[in-house]
Amino acid sequence: MSSIYNKGFRSVYKLTAHVVLVTKYRKKAISEKVLLRLKEIFTETLIKWECQIVEFNGESDHVHLLIDYKPDISLSKLIANLKTVSSRLIRRDFPDLASKYFDNKPYFWTGAYFVASCGGVTVTELKKYVENQKTPQE
């Protein structure tokens, strides 16, 4: 088995998700400094969840996270925690954002998010692999 897989107590896995978070009202509130701080916050938060960032980047109104996570983690809870922690810390570290972009309201992200599972092979390749399994003959 390749070392690209993670090992749990009774599992071997490689789970990767692409997450997109958008600022409230798609306000262009993410500067270069804010983006760097968001990366730090997400990295620290994911470590606490025993997860890791594979890739991170963003634009002025949204960020993309490519994360590796464990099979016993609820992805919706993880994303909710990432949003809550990052919103609180960004508003603390950049207090002018709330007044400039959000009418002094205590938020940063929109309530929704995008998430997609991803991996090293395409669905077509997986379908072909499953179709080509040898059916037991009696």
Protein backbone atom coordinates (compact mmCIF):
# COMPACT_ATOMS: atom_id res chain seq x y z
CA MET A 1 0.00 0.00 0.00
CA SER A 2 1.30 3.43 -0.92
CA SER A 3 2.32 5.95 1.73
CA ILE A 4 -0.10 8.51 0.25
CA TYR A 5 -2.83 6.88 2.34
CA ASN A 6 -3.52 7.65 5.98
CA LYS A 7 -4.00 4.89 8.51
CA GLY A 8 -6.53 4.85 11.31
CA PHE A 9 -7.23 2.22 13.95
CA ARG A 10 -9.29 0.08 11.58
CA SER A 11 -9.10 1.99 8.34
CA VAL A 12 -6.86 3.13 5.54
CA TYR A 13 -8.10 6.27 3.86
CA LYS A 14 -7.40 9.30 1.71
CA LEU A 15 -10.21 11.84 2.01
CA THR A 16 -9.80 15.22 0.38
CA ALA A 17 -12.39 17.97 0.08
CA HIS A 18 -12.49 21.23 -1.85
CA VAL A 19 -14.18 23.92 0.26
CA VAL A 20 -15.13 27.41 -0.90
CA LEU A 21 -16.15 30.09 1.61
CA VAL A 22 -17.63 33.38 0.42
CA THR A 23 -17.72 36.68 2.31
CA LYS A 24 -21.11 38.00 3.42
CA TYR A 25 -22.80 39.88 0.56
CA ARG A 26 -19.72 38.94 -1.53
CA LYS A 27 -18.03 42.06 -0.15
CA LYS A 28 -14.44 42.42 -1.30
CA ALA A 29 -13.11 42.33 2.27
CA ILE A 30 -10.14 39.99 1.80
CA SER A 31 -6.84 41.80 1.34
CA GLU A 32 -3.43 40.15 1.07
CA LYS A 33 -2.91 40.54 4.84
CA VAL A 34 -6.34 39.09 5.62
CA LEU A 35 -5.70 36.17 3.25
CA LEU A 36 -2.40 35.36 4.96
CA ARG A 37 -4.05 35.51 8.38
CA LEU A 38 -6.91 33.30 7.18
CA LYS A 39 -4.39 30.68 6.06
CA GLU A 40 -2.79 30.72 9.52
CA ILE A 41 -6.18 30.42 11.22
CA PHE A 42 -7.34 27.58 8.98
CA THR A 43 -4.03 25.73 9.39
CA GLU A 44 -4.16 25.97 13.20
CA THR A 45 -7.83 25.01 13.35
CA LEU A 46 -7.37 22.00 11.07
CA ILE A 47 -4.45 20.76 13.18
CA LYS A 48 -6.80 20.69 16.19
CA TRP A 49 -9.15 18.50 14.13
CA GLU A 50 -6.19 16.29 13.09
CA CYS A 51 -6.64 17.46 9.49
CA GLN A 52 -4.42 19.47 7.16
CA ILE A 53 -4.47 22.00 4.35
CA VAL A 54 -3.28 20.60 1.03
CA GLU A 55 -3.71 23.91 -0.78
CA PHE A 56 -5.14 27.34 0.06
CA ASN A 57 -5.77 30.51 -1.92
CA GLY A 58 -8.44 33.09 -2.48
CA GLU A 59 -9.60 36.33 -3.99
CA SER A 60 -11.08 39.47 -2.49
CA ASP A 61 -14.50 37.89 -1.85
CA HIS A 62 -13.87 34.15 -1.36
CA VAL A 63 -11.31 31.50 -0.40
CA HIS A 64 -10.58 27.96 -1.59
CA LEU A 65 -9.34 25.28 0.79
CA LEU A 66 -8.23 21.84 -0.28
CA ILE A 67 -8.17 19.78 2.90
CA ASP A 68 -7.34 16.23 3.94
CA TYR A 69 -9.63 14.98 6.68
CA LYS A 70 -10.35 11.84 8.70
CA PRO A 71 -13.30 9.51 8.05
CA ASP A 72 -14.70 9.96 11.57
CA ILE A 73 -15.10 13.72 11.09
CA SER A 74 -18.39 15.26 10.07
CA LEU A 75 -17.43 17.56 7.22
CA SER A 76 -20.33 19.93 7.92
CA LYS A 77 -19.21 20.35 11.55
CA LEU A 78 -15.61 20.89 10.47
CA ILE A 79 -16.61 23.57 7.96
CA ALA A 80 -18.90 25.26 10.51
CA ASN A 81 -16.00 25.37 12.97
CA LEU A 82 -13.61 26.75 10.33
CA LYS A 83 -16.10 29.50 9.50
CA THR A 84 -16.88 30.36 13.13
CA VAL A 85 -13.27 30.48 14.31
CA SER A 86 -11.95 32.35 11.27
CA SER A 87 -14.78 34.91 11.36
CA ARG A 88 -14.21 35.64 15.05
CA LEU A 89 -10.43 35.91 14.76
CA ILE A 90 -10.44 37.95 11.55
CA ARG A 91 -12.90 40.43 13.07
CA ARG A 92 -10.72 40.61 16.18
CA ASP A 93 -7.47 41.08 14.21
CA PHE A 94 -8.94 43.47 11.62
CA PRO A 95 -11.59 45.47 13.51
CA ASP A 96 -12.04 47.97 10.66
CA LEU A 97 -13.52 45.28 8.37
CA ALA A 98 -16.87 45.24 10.18
CA SER A 99 -17.42 48.96 9.82
CA LYS A 100 -16.07 49.19 6.28
CA TYR A 101 -17.89 46.19 4.75
CA PHE A 102 -20.55 44.80 7.09
CA ASP A 103 -22.35 47.76 8.74
CA ASN A 104 -20.67 46.91 12.08
CA LYS A 105 -22.46 43.55 12.16
CA PRO A 106 -20.64 40.55 13.71
CA TYR A 107 -20.10 38.41 10.64
CA PHE A 108 -17.62 37.75 7.88
CA TRP A 109 -18.77 34.70 5.88
CA THR A 110 -22.07 34.04 4.18
CA GLY A 111 -24.15 31.26 5.76
CA ALA A 112 -23.61 28.90 2.82
CA TYR A 113 -20.54 27.10 1.58
CA PHE A 114 -19.43 24.89 -1.31
CA VAL A 115 -17.83 21.50 -0.74
CA ALA A 116 -16.87 18.75 -3.17
CA SER A 117 -15.05 15.52 -2.60
CA CYS A 118 -11.97 15.04 -4.70
CA GLY A 119 -9.28 12.50 -5.19
CA GLY A 120 -6.57 11.17 -7.43
CA VAL A 121 -8.85 9.51 -10.01
CA THR A 122 -11.93 10.51 -11.96
CA VAL A 123 -15.39 9.02 -11.52
CA THR A 124 -15.08 7.52 -15.00
CA GLU A 125 -11.86 5.74 -14.01
CA LEU A 126 -13.49 4.44 -10.81
CA LYS A 127 -16.55 3.22 -12.73
CA LYS A 128 -14.29 1.37 -15.16
CA TYR A 129 -12.35 -0.20 -12.28
CA VAL A 130 -15.54 -1.40 -10.56
CA GLU A 131 -17.04 -2.69 -13.81
CA ASN A 132 -13.88 -4.72 -14.51
CA GLN A 133 -13.95 -6.58 -11.20
CA LYS A 134 -14.09 -10.33 -11.62
CA THR A 135 -17.54 -11.61 -10.74
CA PRO A 136 -17.35 -14.83 -8.70
CA GLN A 137 -18.18 -17.90 -10.76
CA GLU A 138 -19.74 -20.95 -9.09
